[in-house]
Protein backbone atom coordinates (compact mmCIF):
# COMPACT_ATOMS: atom_id res chain seq x y z
CA UNK A 1 14.13 -25.26 46.63
CA UNK A 2 10.76 -23.91 47.77
CA UNK A 3 12.44 -20.82 49.22
CA UNK A 4 14.31 -20.24 45.97
CA UNK A 5 11.07 -20.49 43.97
CA UNK A 6 9.38 -18.07 46.37
CA UNK A 7 12.19 -15.58 45.83
CA UNK A 8 11.92 -16.03 42.06
CA UNK A 9 8.17 -15.48 42.31
CA UNK A 10 8.64 -12.24 44.23
CA UNK A 11 11.25 -11.02 41.73
CA UNK A 12 8.94 -11.75 38.79
CA UNK A 13 6.05 -10.05 40.62
CA UNK A 14 8.19 -6.95 41.12
CA UNK A 15 9.08 -7.02 37.41
CA UNK A 16 5.40 -7.16 36.47
CA UNK A 17 4.47 -4.39 38.92
CA UNK A 18 7.42 -2.31 37.74
CA UNK A 19 6.11 -2.36 34.16
CA UNK A 20 2.53 -1.73 35.27
CA UNK A 21 3.63 1.30 37.30
CA UNK A 22 5.64 2.67 34.40
CA UNK A 23 2.83 2.41 31.87
CA UNK A 24 -0.09 3.31 34.15
CA UNK A 25 1.55 6.50 35.45
CA UNK A 26 1.81 7.80 31.90
CA UNK A 27 -1.81 6.94 31.16
CA UNK A 28 -3.12 8.56 34.36
CA UNK A 29 -0.97 11.70 34.49
CA UNK A 30 -0.07 12.26 30.83
CA UNK A 31 -2.58 15.12 30.41
CA UNK A 32 -1.55 16.79 33.68
CA UNK A 33 2.18 16.60 32.92
CA UNK A 34 1.74 17.49 29.24
CA UNK A 35 -0.19 20.65 30.14
CA UNK A 36 2.45 21.57 32.76
CA UNK A 37 0.10 21.30 35.72
CA UNK A 38 2.40 18.92 37.61
CA UNK A 39 6.00 17.81 37.22
CA UNK A 40 7.05 14.23 36.50
CA UNK A 41 8.24 13.63 40.05
CA UNK A 42 4.99 15.00 41.47
CA UNK A 43 3.00 12.80 39.09
CA UNK A 44 4.95 9.73 40.21
CA UNK A 45 4.37 10.57 43.88
CA UNK A 46 0.65 11.15 43.36
CA UNK A 47 0.29 7.94 41.36
CA UNK A 48 2.07 6.00 44.10
CA UNK A 49 -0.15 7.45 46.82
CA UNK A 50 -3.49 7.01 45.09
CA UNK A 51 -2.45 3.68 43.55
CA UNK A 52 -1.72 2.44 47.07
CA UNK A 53 -5.11 3.69 48.24
CA UNK A 54 -6.87 1.82 45.43
CA UNK A 55 -4.87 -1.38 45.97
CA UNK A 56 -5.27 -1.35 49.77
CA UNK A 57 -9.05 -0.85 49.63
CA UNK A 58 -10.88 -1.99 46.49
CA UNK A 59 -7.93 -3.91 45.08
CA UNK A 60 -8.16 -6.54 47.84
CA UNK A 61 -11.38 -7.82 46.29
CA UNK A 62 -9.66 -8.50 42.97
CA UNK A 63 -6.71 -10.14 44.73
CA UNK A 64 -9.13 -12.46 46.56
CA UNK A 65 -10.83 -13.41 43.29
CA UNK A 66 -7.62 -14.13 41.40
CA UNK A 67 -5.83 -15.84 44.29
CA UNK A 68 -8.55 -18.16 45.55
CA UNK A 69 -11.90 -17.89 43.72
CA UNK A 70 -11.15 -18.69 40.07
CA UNK A 71 -9.26 -21.78 41.24
CA UNK A 72 -8.55 -22.97 44.81
CA UNK A 73 -5.61 -21.20 46.44
CA UNK A 74 -3.93 -24.56 47.03
CA UNK A 75 -3.32 -24.86 43.27
CA UNK A 76 -0.88 -21.95 43.40
CA UNK A 77 2.23 -23.92 44.16
CA UNK A 78 5.52 -21.98 43.97
CA UNK A 79 6.13 -23.31 40.45
CA UNK A 80 2.57 -22.56 39.28
CA UNK A 81 2.76 -19.04 40.71
CA UNK A 82 5.97 -18.31 38.84
CA UNK A 83 4.50 -19.64 35.58
CA UNK A 84 1.35 -17.50 35.92
CA UNK A 85 3.44 -14.40 36.61
CA UNK A 86 5.70 -15.31 33.68
CA UNK A 87 2.74 -15.28 31.30
CA UNK A 88 1.52 -11.99 32.79
CA UNK A 89 4.94 -10.43 32.24
CA UNK A 90 4.99 -11.89 28.74
CA UNK A 91 1.76 -10.03 27.96
CA UNK A 92 3.39 -6.75 28.95
CA UNK A 93 6.38 -7.57 26.73
CA UNK A 94 4.15 -8.40 23.74
CA UNK A 95 2.09 -5.23 24.18
CA UNK A 96 5.26 -3.13 24.36
CA UNK A 97 6.77 -4.78 21.26
CA UNK A 98 3.61 -4.24 19.19
CA UNK A 99 2.72 -0.89 20.72
CA UNK A 100 -0.72 -2.19 21.67
CA UNK A 101 -2.36 -1.72 25.09
CA UNK A 102 -2.93 -5.43 25.75
CA UNK A 103 -4.87 -6.24 28.91
CA UNK A 104 -2.63 -7.45 31.71
CA UNK A 105 -5.69 -8.41 33.79
CA UNK A 106 -7.21 -10.53 31.03
CA UNK A 107 -3.90 -12.25 30.30
CA UNK A 108 -3.27 -13.00 33.97
CA UNK A 109 -6.74 -14.50 34.27
CA UNK A 110 -6.10 -16.49 31.08
CA UNK A 111 -2.99 -18.06 32.60
CA UNK A 112 -4.93 -18.91 35.77
CA UNK A 113 -7.67 -20.48 33.62
CA UNK A 114 -5.03 -22.64 31.97
CA UNK A 115 -3.97 -23.84 35.42
CA UNK A 116 -7.59 -24.47 36.38
CA UNK A 117 -8.31 -26.48 33.24
CA UNK A 118 -5.15 -28.55 33.67
CA UNK A 119 -5.98 -29.33 37.31
CA UNK A 120 -9.75 -29.68 36.80
CA UNK A 121 -10.45 -27.05 39.48
CA UNK A 122 -11.71 -24.12 37.40
CA UNK A 123 -14.72 -22.26 38.84
CA UNK A 124 -16.74 -22.15 35.63
CA UNK A 125 -19.64 -20.17 37.07
CA UNK A 126 -17.32 -17.38 38.21
CA UNK A 127 -15.51 -17.40 34.87
CA UNK A 128 -18.84 -16.96 33.11
CA UNK A 129 -19.44 -13.85 35.22
CA UNK A 130 -15.95 -12.51 34.55
CA UNK A 131 -16.10 -13.08 30.78
CA UNK A 132 -19.58 -11.51 30.70
CA UNK A 133 -18.14 -8.45 32.43
CA UNK A 134 -15.34 -8.32 29.86
CA UNK A 135 -17.99 -8.11 27.14
CA UNK A 136 -20.42 -5.76 28.87
CA UNK A 137 -17.87 -3.27 30.28
CA UNK A 138 -16.40 -2.08 26.94
CA UNK A 139 -19.87 -1.98 25.38
CA UNK A 140 -21.07 0.16 28.29
CA UNK A 141 -18.07 2.46 27.94
CA UNK A 142 -18.70 2.73 24.20
CA UNK A 143 -22.39 3.55 24.78
CA UNK A 144 -21.61 6.22 27.37
CA UNK A 145 -18.99 7.67 25.03
CA UNK A 146 -21.51 7.82 22.19
CA UNK A 147 -24.09 9.55 24.38
CA UNK A 148 -21.64 12.13 25.71
CA UNK A 149 -20.05 12.75 22.31
CA UNK A 150 -23.38 13.14 20.52
CA UNK A 151 -25.34 15.19 23.05
CA UNK A 152 -23.01 16.76 25.66
CA UNK A 153 -19.44 17.10 24.38
CA UNK A 154 -20.03 20.05 21.98
CA UNK A 155 -21.42 22.16 24.84
CA UNK A 156 -18.53 21.30 27.12
CA UNK A 157 -16.09 22.04 24.31
CA UNK A 158 -17.53 25.56 23.96
CA UNK A 159 -17.35 26.56 27.59
CA UNK A 160 -14.57 24.52 29.19
CA UNK A 161 -11.22 26.12 28.39
CA UNK A 162 -7.68 24.99 29.07
CA UNK A 163 -4.79 27.41 28.86
CA UNK A 164 -1.38 26.59 27.44
CA UNK A 165 1.10 27.52 30.16
CA UNK A 166 4.61 28.40 29.04
CA UNK A 167 5.74 27.75 32.60
CA UNK A 168 4.55 25.16 35.08
CA UNK A 169 1.25 25.90 36.81
CA UNK A 170 2.91 26.08 40.26
CA UNK A 171 6.15 28.06 40.44
CA UNK A 172 8.65 28.40 43.30
CA UNK A 173 10.26 31.60 44.51
CA UNK A 174 13.75 30.53 45.57
CA UNK A 175 15.02 33.97 46.51
CA UNK A 176 14.62 33.20 50.20
CA UNK A 177 15.95 30.44 52.44
CA UNK A 178 12.79 28.36 51.98
CA UNK A 179 11.29 28.07 48.46
CA UNK A 180 7.86 29.69 48.37
CA UNK A 181 5.25 28.30 45.94
CA UNK A 182 3.03 30.59 43.88
CA UNK A 183 0.62 30.12 40.97
CA UNK A 184 1.49 30.88 37.37
CA UNK A 185 0.63 34.61 36.94
CA UNK A 186 -1.11 33.85 33.62
CA UNK A 187 -3.65 31.59 35.35
CA UNK A 188 -7.22 32.86 35.63
CA UNK A 189 -9.81 31.53 38.10
CA UNK A 190 -11.23 29.33 35.33
CA UNK A 191 -7.75 27.98 34.66
CA UNK A 192 -7.24 27.19 38.34
CA UNK A 193 -10.54 25.32 38.62
CA UNK A 194 -9.99 23.45 35.37
CA UNK A 195 -6.43 22.56 36.30
CA UNK A 196 -7.46 21.21 39.68
CA UNK A 197 -10.07 19.10 37.92
CA UNK A 198 -7.44 17.65 35.56
CA UNK A 199 -5.23 16.66 38.51
CA UNK A 200 -8.15 15.23 40.50
CA UNK A 201 -9.17 13.02 37.57
CA UNK A 202 -5.55 11.88 37.19
CA UNK A 203 -5.51 10.86 40.86
CA UNK A 204 -8.80 9.03 40.34
CA UNK A 205 -7.25 7.12 37.43
CA UNK A 206 -4.31 6.21 39.67
CA UNK A 207 -6.79 4.88 42.25
CA UNK A 208 -8.50 2.75 39.59
CA UNK A 209 -5.17 1.50 38.25
CA UNK A 210 -4.08 0.44 41.71
CA UNK A 211 -7.40 -1.26 42.39
CA UNK A 212 -7.36 -3.30 39.19
CA UNK A 213 -3.65 -3.97 38.71
CA UNK A 214 -2.32 -4.95 42.14
CA UNK A 215 -3.77 -8.45 41.69
CA UNK A 216 -1.98 -8.86 38.36
CA UNK A 217 1.38 -8.55 40.07
CA UNK A 218 0.86 -10.53 43.29
CA UNK A 219 -2.35 -12.62 43.25
CA UNK A 220 -0.58 -15.96 42.56
CA UNK A 221 1.65 -15.36 45.60
CA UNK A 222 -1.19 -14.55 47.99
CA UNK A 223 -3.51 -16.97 49.76
CA UNK A 224 -3.40 -20.37 51.38
CA UNK A 225 0.11 -21.69 51.30
CA UNK A 226 1.24 -18.66 49.30
CA UNK A 227 4.46 -16.77 49.86
CA UNK A 228 2.68 -13.58 50.94
CA UNK A 229 -0.29 -12.42 52.98
CA UNK A 230 -2.80 -10.05 51.41
CA UNK A 231 -1.25 -7.05 53.17
CA UNK A 232 2.25 -8.05 52.10
CA UNK A 233 1.04 -8.59 48.55
CA UNK A 234 -0.47 -5.10 48.34
CA UNK A 235 2.68 -3.51 49.76
CA UNK A 236 4.88 -5.45 47.34
CA UNK A 237 2.70 -4.47 44.37
CA UNK A 238 2.70 -0.80 45.34
CA UNK A 239 6.46 -0.88 45.91
CA UNK A 240 6.89 -2.25 42.38
CA UNK A 241 4.47 0.37 41.01
CA UNK A 242 6.59 3.06 42.65
CA UNK A 243 9.79 1.75 41.08
CA UNK A 244 8.16 2.01 37.66
CA UNK A 245 6.58 5.39 38.37
CA UNK A 246 9.82 7.09 39.38
CA UNK A 247 11.95 5.50 36.64
CA UNK A 248 10.56 4.28 33.31
CA UNK A 249 7.37 6.34 33.71
CA UNK A 250 9.41 9.49 33.15
CA UNK A 251 9.93 8.40 29.55
CA UNK A 252 6.26 7.49 29.21
CA UNK A 253 5.25 10.89 30.53
CA UNK A 254 7.59 12.60 28.05
CA UNK A 255 6.25 10.75 25.03
CA UNK A 256 2.57 10.43 25.93
CA UNK A 257 1.80 13.72 24.19
CA UNK A 258 3.35 12.43 20.99
CA UNK A 259 1.58 9.07 21.22
CA UNK A 260 -1.91 10.54 21.70
CA UNK A 261 -1.26 13.97 20.25
CA UNK A 262 -4.72 14.69 18.98
CA UNK A 263 -6.62 13.73 22.13
CA UNK A 264 -8.08 16.97 23.51
CA UNK A 265 -7.65 17.44 27.24
CA UNK A 266 -11.44 17.65 27.65
CA UNK A 267 -11.85 14.31 25.89
CA UNK A 268 -9.12 12.73 27.99
CA UNK A 269 -10.92 13.81 31.16
CA UNK A 270 -14.18 12.25 29.98
CA UNK A 271 -12.41 9.06 28.95
CA UNK A 272 -10.58 8.84 32.28
CA UNK A 273 -13.74 9.41 34.29
CA UNK A 274 -15.84 6.85 32.42
CA UNK A 275 -13.13 4.19 32.13
CA UNK A 276 -11.94 4.64 35.70
CA UNK A 277 -15.46 4.47 37.12
CA UNK A 278 -16.33 1.25 35.28
CA UNK A 279 -13.10 -0.41 36.45
CA UNK A 280 -13.54 0.80 40.04
CA UNK A 281 -17.07 -0.63 40.17
CA UNK A 282 -15.93 -3.97 38.74
CA UNK A 283 -12.98 -4.06 41.16
CA UNK A 284 -15.38 -3.44 44.06
CA UNK A 285 -17.14 -6.66 43.09
CA UNK A 286 -13.80 -8.43 42.77
CA UNK A 287 -13.95 -8.75 38.97
CA UNK A 288 -10.57 -8.35 37.24
CA UNK A 289 -10.97 -6.14 34.18
CA UNK A 290 -8.85 -4.02 31.89
CA UNK A 291 -8.50 -0.27 32.32
CA UNK A 292 -6.93 -0.04 28.84
CA UNK A 293 -9.92 -1.77 27.22
CA UNK A 294 -12.44 0.44 29.02
CA UNK A 295 -10.69 3.71 28.22
CA UNK A 296 -10.08 2.83 24.57
CA UNK A 297 -13.73 1.78 24.14
CA UNK A 298 -14.77 5.14 25.57
CA UNK A 299 -12.51 6.97 23.10
CA UNK A 300 -14.06 5.09 20.18
CA UNK A 301 -17.59 5.80 21.39
CA UNK A 302 -16.86 9.46 22.11
CA UNK A 303 -15.43 10.03 18.64
CA UNK A 304 -18.25 8.16 16.95
CA UNK A 305 -20.90 10.09 18.88
CA UNK A 306 -19.21 13.40 18.10
CA UNK A 307 -19.10 12.68 14.37
CA UNK A 308 -22.67 11.35 14.25
CA UNK A 309 -24.17 14.67 15.41
CA UNK A 310 -24.50 15.59 11.73
CA UNK A 311 -27.12 12.87 11.31
CA UNK A 312 -30.46 12.48 13.07
CA UNK A 313 -31.45 9.20 14.73
CA UNK A 314 -33.91 8.22 11.93
CA UNK A 315 -31.13 8.79 9.39
CA UNK A 316 -28.74 6.65 11.43
CA UNK A 317 -31.02 3.62 11.16
CA UNK A 318 -31.76 4.04 7.46
CA UNK A 319 -30.02 1.80 4.91
CA UNK A 320 -26.45 2.86 4.15
CA UNK A 321 -27.25 3.89 0.59
CA UNK A 322 -29.89 6.37 1.79
CA UNK A 323 -28.00 7.68 4.83
CA UNK A 324 -26.13 11.00 4.61
CA UNK A 325 -22.41 10.34 4.70
CA UNK A 326 -20.39 11.36 7.72
CA UNK A 327 -16.88 10.55 8.84
CA UNK A 328 -16.85 8.23 11.84
CA UNK A 329 -13.41 8.89 13.25
CA UNK A 330 -12.08 9.94 16.59
CA UNK A 331 -10.73 13.02 14.88
CA UNK A 332 -14.28 14.22 15.45
CA UNK A 333 -13.21 14.93 19.01
CA UNK A 334 -11.19 17.83 17.67
CA UNK A 335 -13.61 20.66 16.96
CA UNK A 336 -14.30 20.92 13.23
CA UNK A 337 -13.26 23.97 11.26
CA UNK A 338 -16.68 24.06 9.64
CA UNK A 339 -18.35 24.94 12.94
CA UNK A 340 -16.01 27.93 13.54
CA UNK A 341 -16.01 27.10 17.22
CA UNK A 342 -13.30 27.52 19.83
CA UNK A 343 -10.70 24.79 19.65
CA UNK A 344 -9.32 23.36 22.88
CA UNK A 345 -5.61 22.55 22.93
CA UNK A 346 -4.72 18.90 22.65
CA UNK A 347 -2.19 17.10 24.79
CA UNK A 348 0.10 17.10 21.79
CA UNK A 349 -0.16 20.88 21.36
CA UNK A 350 0.95 21.36 24.94
CA UNK A 351 3.72 18.77 24.73
CA UNK A 352 5.11 20.29 21.53
CA UNK A 353 4.88 23.89 22.82
CA UNK A 354 2.43 24.74 20.04
CA UNK A 355 -0.10 27.51 20.37
CA UNK A 356 -3.74 26.36 20.08
CA UNK A 357 -5.92 28.09 17.47
CA UNK A 358 -7.25 31.45 18.57
CA UNK A 359 -10.78 31.55 19.91
CA UNK A 360 -13.29 33.88 18.32
CA UNK A 361 -14.57 36.81 20.35
CA UNK A 362 -18.14 35.54 20.19
CA UNK A 363 -18.88 31.91 20.94
CA UNK A 364 -21.44 30.58 18.42
CA UNK A 365 -24.43 28.56 19.47
CA UNK A 366 -24.12 24.81 19.31
CA UNK A 367 -26.03 23.46 16.28
CA UNK A 368 -28.73 20.94 17.09
CA UNK A 369 -28.29 17.24 16.50
CA UNK A 370 -29.11 16.33 12.89
CA UNK A 371 -29.29 19.95 11.73
CA UNK A 372 -25.71 20.16 10.47
CA UNK A 373 -24.49 19.11 7.09
CA UNK A 374 -21.76 16.49 6.87
CA UNK A 375 -19.16 17.51 9.42
CA UNK A 376 -15.95 18.89 7.92
CA UNK A 377 -13.69 17.15 10.38
CA UNK A 378 -10.24 18.32 11.24
CA UNK A 379 -7.55 16.28 9.51
CA UNK A 380 -6.23 15.25 12.92
CA UNK A 381 -7.22 11.80 14.07
CA UNK A 382 -6.67 9.92 17.30
CA UNK A 383 -6.25 6.58 15.60
CA UNK A 384 -6.98 4.86 12.31
CA UNK A 385 -9.26 1.86 11.70
CA UNK A 386 -6.29 -0.44 11.12
CA UNK A 387 -4.90 0.44 14.54
CA UNK A 388 -8.31 -0.10 16.15
CA UNK A 389 -8.56 -3.55 14.58
CA UNK A 390 -5.06 -4.41 15.77
CA UNK A 391 -5.92 -3.35 19.31
CA UNK A 392 -9.18 -5.33 19.36
CA UNK A 393 -7.38 -8.37 17.96
CA UNK A 394 -4.77 -8.21 20.69
CA UNK A 395 -7.46 -7.91 23.36
CA UNK A 396 -8.89 -11.25 22.26
CA UNK A 397 -5.61 -12.86 21.29
CA UNK A 398 -3.46 -12.28 24.38
CA UNK A 399 -5.75 -13.93 26.98
CA UNK A 400 -6.58 -16.72 24.53
CA UNK A 401 -2.89 -17.39 23.91
CA UNK A 402 -2.31 -17.32 27.68
CA UNK A 403 -4.87 -20.13 28.11
CA UNK A 404 -3.59 -22.16 25.17
CA UNK A 405 0.09 -21.74 26.07
CA UNK A 406 -0.24 -22.22 29.83
CA UNK A 407 -2.49 -25.30 29.68
CA UNK A 408 0.14 -27.77 28.34
CA UNK A 409 2.73 -26.29 30.71
CA UNK A 410 0.53 -26.98 33.72
CA UNK A 411 -0.41 -30.43 32.43
CA UNK A 412 3.28 -31.25 32.22
CA UNK A 413 3.95 -29.83 35.69
């Protein structure tokens, strides 16, 4: 019976890792694939390699926390492990059904908390630290996004260019016996440097995803009396990631441009860097946290900061009735027509084979903060307020439901 439960636990863990790999590959390499810098198979291979690196190094700290620090490892009986993984997989299912990036990490921790409350073994001090990090991390990402969007992004948007390639960035000459790679002839030196940067950031995101998500798939099975050792757990998680990366991720990579069509490549790089760094730091300290929450918070902050450039700081703190009106929307990340500035292609432009707007011969100076009139934002928008509210609601709801639903199950068991 115990052996059967262990097998069931491993199968459920592979299912969870399979879904994580499928979704995370699209998030990490969507910009690179959409702009034809790498192919889907290459993206899957890179995600697998760097995800393994993140899981094998930093990810061990998160596995230790979730497998033995929140509650004693002895509480993870074969039945309890399967139940925790069941709730983690359920979170992925709910997020897919509602189209909302629910946090797998937060839901997995919520299920473990339910087990800890039912058994009276919950490490409350550690949970206080973890919940505090869940509050501080998105606020930090939002603040960094605001700062970059308000004071730095317009300058980067003027001078960092991304070319729309009609063919893939790396081509192969198959006229000989051995295919010989060569660069797209339309690529300039600036394109080459920028393209390498896009791929490097994608690999960094894969590292962060591996570091934070390996524990979600295997932590209940690792530890004292568990079915797997830490090394076996990491290998199993990465194996499951790979299955998702080379299969269902292909669909994610195809549609990611349509799902986040108006996210400029420059903005996606900033979001990936900020969100990935915050999660990597938290994972180093063994704190399970959500990459989806961090990146989305950065997007909101970046858009808000970009739109708020039209208003000075004193005007921002004035009463609403006296404050000049400005549109606070992530569509502000798309350069406004009113500024007559160069417009970078978005992921959606590249995915749909659309040509980005032509750049003027002379690049205008960037207006100072607070010196512009109300920004005439492009009609494009990354998301609407209703969607943002739905996402925030799911962030709070899914881990809470995991605690509430798992508690009576573990009391009964």
